[in-house]
């Protein structure tokens, strides 16, 4: 990924950091976040909040990736944008 930056999150008392980059996709700018070997794309919804785009298969294959972690990453992205 070009122009990588780090997204720090704190979850269950642990401080974690994930590599990310901005990806232009048509009229939407997505953020690609590398989470434990999986690339998860975040895109803004109609209200400007970020949602994770990840398949159920990816969620099931990597037990360290869970909904709580995905939400915390989205919160960090939103806090930087405001």
C-alpha atoms as a PDB file:
ATOM      1  CA  UNK A   1       0.000   0.000   0.000  1.00  0.00           C
ATOM      2  CA  UNK A   2       1.235   3.469  -0.838  1.00  0.00           C
ATOM      3  CA  UNK A   3       1.209   6.336   1.649  1.00  0.00           C
ATOM      4  CA  UNK A   4       0.483   4.135   4.613  1.00  0.00           C
ATOM      5  CA  UNK A   5      -0.501   5.546   7.959  1.00  0.00           C
ATOM      6  CA  UNK A   6      -1.340   3.958  11.293  1.00  0.00           C
ATOM      7  CA  UNK A   7      -4.750   3.694  12.922  1.00  0.00           C
ATOM      8  CA  UNK A   8      -4.373   3.312  16.703  1.00  0.00           C
ATOM      9  CA  UNK A   9      -7.148   1.690  18.740  1.00  0.00           C
ATOM     10  CA  UNK A  10      -7.536   0.575  22.322  1.00  0.00           C
ATOM     11  CA  UNK A  11      -9.635  -2.516  22.849  1.00  0.00           C
ATOM     12  CA  UNK A  12      -9.930  -4.648  25.978  1.00  0.00           C
ATOM     13  CA  UNK A  13      -7.173  -2.570  27.570  1.00  0.00           C
ATOM     14  CA  UNK A  14      -4.726  -3.301  24.736  1.00  0.00           C
ATOM     15  CA  UNK A  15      -3.287  -0.628  22.493  1.00  0.00           C
ATOM     16  CA  UNK A  16      -3.130  -1.801  18.888  1.00  0.00           C
ATOM     17  CA  UNK A  17      -2.131  -0.142  15.633  1.00  0.00           C
ATOM     18  CA  UNK A  18      -3.093  -1.122  12.100  1.00  0.00           C
ATOM     19  CA  UNK A  19      -1.634  -0.027   8.753  1.00  0.00           C
ATOM     20  CA  UNK A  20      -4.016   1.786   6.448  1.00  0.00           C
ATOM     21  CA  UNK A  21      -4.106   3.699   3.181  1.00  0.00           C
ATOM     22  CA  UNK A  22      -6.620   5.774   1.263  1.00  0.00           C
ATOM     23  CA  UNK A  23      -8.091   4.248  -1.896  1.00  0.00           C
ATOM     24  CA  UNK A  24     -10.054   6.249  -4.470  1.00  0.00           C
ATOM     25  CA  UNK A  25     -12.951   4.211  -5.847  1.00  0.00           C
ATOM     26  CA  UNK A  26     -15.110   6.180  -8.239  1.00  0.00           C
ATOM     27  CA  UNK A  27     -16.775   8.968  -6.303  1.00  0.00           C
ATOM     28  CA  UNK A  28     -16.081   7.335  -2.941  1.00  0.00           C
ATOM     29  CA  UNK A  29     -12.868   7.420  -0.974  1.00  0.00           C
ATOM     30  CA  UNK A  30     -12.324   4.219   0.973  1.00  0.00           C
ATOM     31  CA  UNK A  31      -9.778   3.425   3.620  1.00  0.00           C
ATOM     32  CA  UNK A  32      -8.047   0.057   3.333  1.00  0.00           C
ATOM     33  CA  UNK A  33      -6.991  -1.247   6.736  1.00  0.00           C
ATOM     34  CA  UNK A  34      -4.745  -4.283   7.142  1.00  0.00           C
ATOM     35  CA  UNK A  35      -6.105  -6.238  10.130  1.00  0.00           C
ATOM     36  CA  UNK A  36      -4.271  -9.448  11.021  1.00  0.00           C
ATOM     37  CA  UNK A  37      -3.515 -10.239   7.381  1.00  0.00           C
ATOM     38  CA  UNK A  38      -6.960  -9.321   6.045  1.00  0.00           C
ATOM     39  CA  UNK A  39      -7.621  -6.086   4.156  1.00  0.00           C
ATOM     40  CA  UNK A  40     -10.831  -4.494   5.385  1.00  0.00           C
ATOM     41  CA  UNK A  41     -12.254  -1.535   3.486  1.00  0.00           C
ATOM     42  CA  UNK A  42     -14.046   1.266   5.296  1.00  0.00           C
ATOM     43  CA  UNK A  43     -16.360   3.610   3.437  1.00  0.00           C
ATOM     44  CA  UNK A  44     -18.636   6.424   4.574  1.00  0.00           C
ATOM     45  CA  UNK A  45     -22.362   5.756   4.761  1.00  0.00           C
ATOM     46  CA  UNK A  46     -25.130   8.250   4.028  1.00  0.00           C
ATOM     47  CA  UNK A  47     -24.653   9.893   7.441  1.00  0.00           C
ATOM     48  CA  UNK A  48     -20.885  10.233   7.065  1.00  0.00           C
ATOM     49  CA  UNK A  49     -20.080   7.446   9.511  1.00  0.00           C
ATOM     50  CA  UNK A  50     -17.688   4.727   8.407  1.00  0.00           C
ATOM     51  CA  UNK A  51     -18.696   1.115   7.938  1.00  0.00           C
ATOM     52  CA  UNK A  52     -16.474  -1.910   7.442  1.00  0.00           C
ATOM     53  CA  UNK A  53     -16.813  -3.970   4.294  1.00  0.00           C
ATOM     54  CA  UNK A  54     -15.860  -7.518   5.208  1.00  0.00           C
ATOM     55  CA  UNK A  55     -17.263 -10.898   4.292  1.00  0.00           C
ATOM     56  CA  UNK A  56     -18.599 -13.366   6.830  1.00  0.00           C
ATOM     57  CA  UNK A  57     -15.944 -15.773   5.570  1.00  0.00           C
ATOM     58  CA  UNK A  58     -13.175 -13.360   6.527  1.00  0.00           C
ATOM     59  CA  UNK A  59     -14.745 -12.823   9.954  1.00  0.00           C
ATOM     60  CA  UNK A  60     -14.929 -16.573  10.499  1.00  0.00           C
ATOM     61  CA  UNK A  61     -11.374 -17.254   9.233  1.00  0.00           C
ATOM     62  CA  UNK A  62      -9.628 -14.793  11.540  1.00  0.00           C
ATOM     63  CA  UNK A  63     -10.806 -15.063  15.156  1.00  0.00           C
ATOM     64  CA  UNK A  64      -8.931 -11.891  16.171  1.00  0.00           C
ATOM     65  CA  UNK A  65     -11.177  -9.835  13.891  1.00  0.00           C
ATOM     66  CA  UNK A  66     -14.512  -9.193  15.552  1.00  0.00           C
ATOM     67  CA  UNK A  67     -17.310  -6.650  15.357  1.00  0.00           C
ATOM     68  CA  UNK A  68     -16.073  -4.757  18.415  1.00  0.00           C
ATOM     69  CA  UNK A  69     -12.631  -4.265  16.835  1.00  0.00           C
ATOM     70  CA  UNK A  70     -14.164  -3.162  13.523  1.00  0.00           C
ATOM     71  CA  UNK A  71     -16.317  -0.593  15.344  1.00  0.00           C
ATOM     72  CA  UNK A  72     -13.342   0.792  17.264  1.00  0.00           C
ATOM     73  CA  UNK A  73     -11.380   1.255  14.045  1.00  0.00           C
ATOM     74  CA  UNK A  74     -14.374   3.049  12.502  1.00  0.00           C
ATOM     75  CA  UNK A  75     -14.570   5.366  15.544  1.00  0.00           C
ATOM     76  CA  UNK A  76     -10.901   6.254  15.155  1.00  0.00           C
ATOM     77  CA  UNK A  77     -11.362   7.021  11.457  1.00  0.00           C
ATOM     78  CA  UNK A  78     -14.407   9.183  12.217  1.00  0.00           C
ATOM     79  CA  UNK A  79     -12.581  11.082  14.974  1.00  0.00           C
ATOM     80  CA  UNK A  80      -9.817  12.059  12.574  1.00  0.00           C
ATOM     81  CA  UNK A  81     -12.233  13.237   9.901  1.00  0.00           C
ATOM     82  CA  UNK A  82     -14.084  15.662  12.205  1.00  0.00           C
END
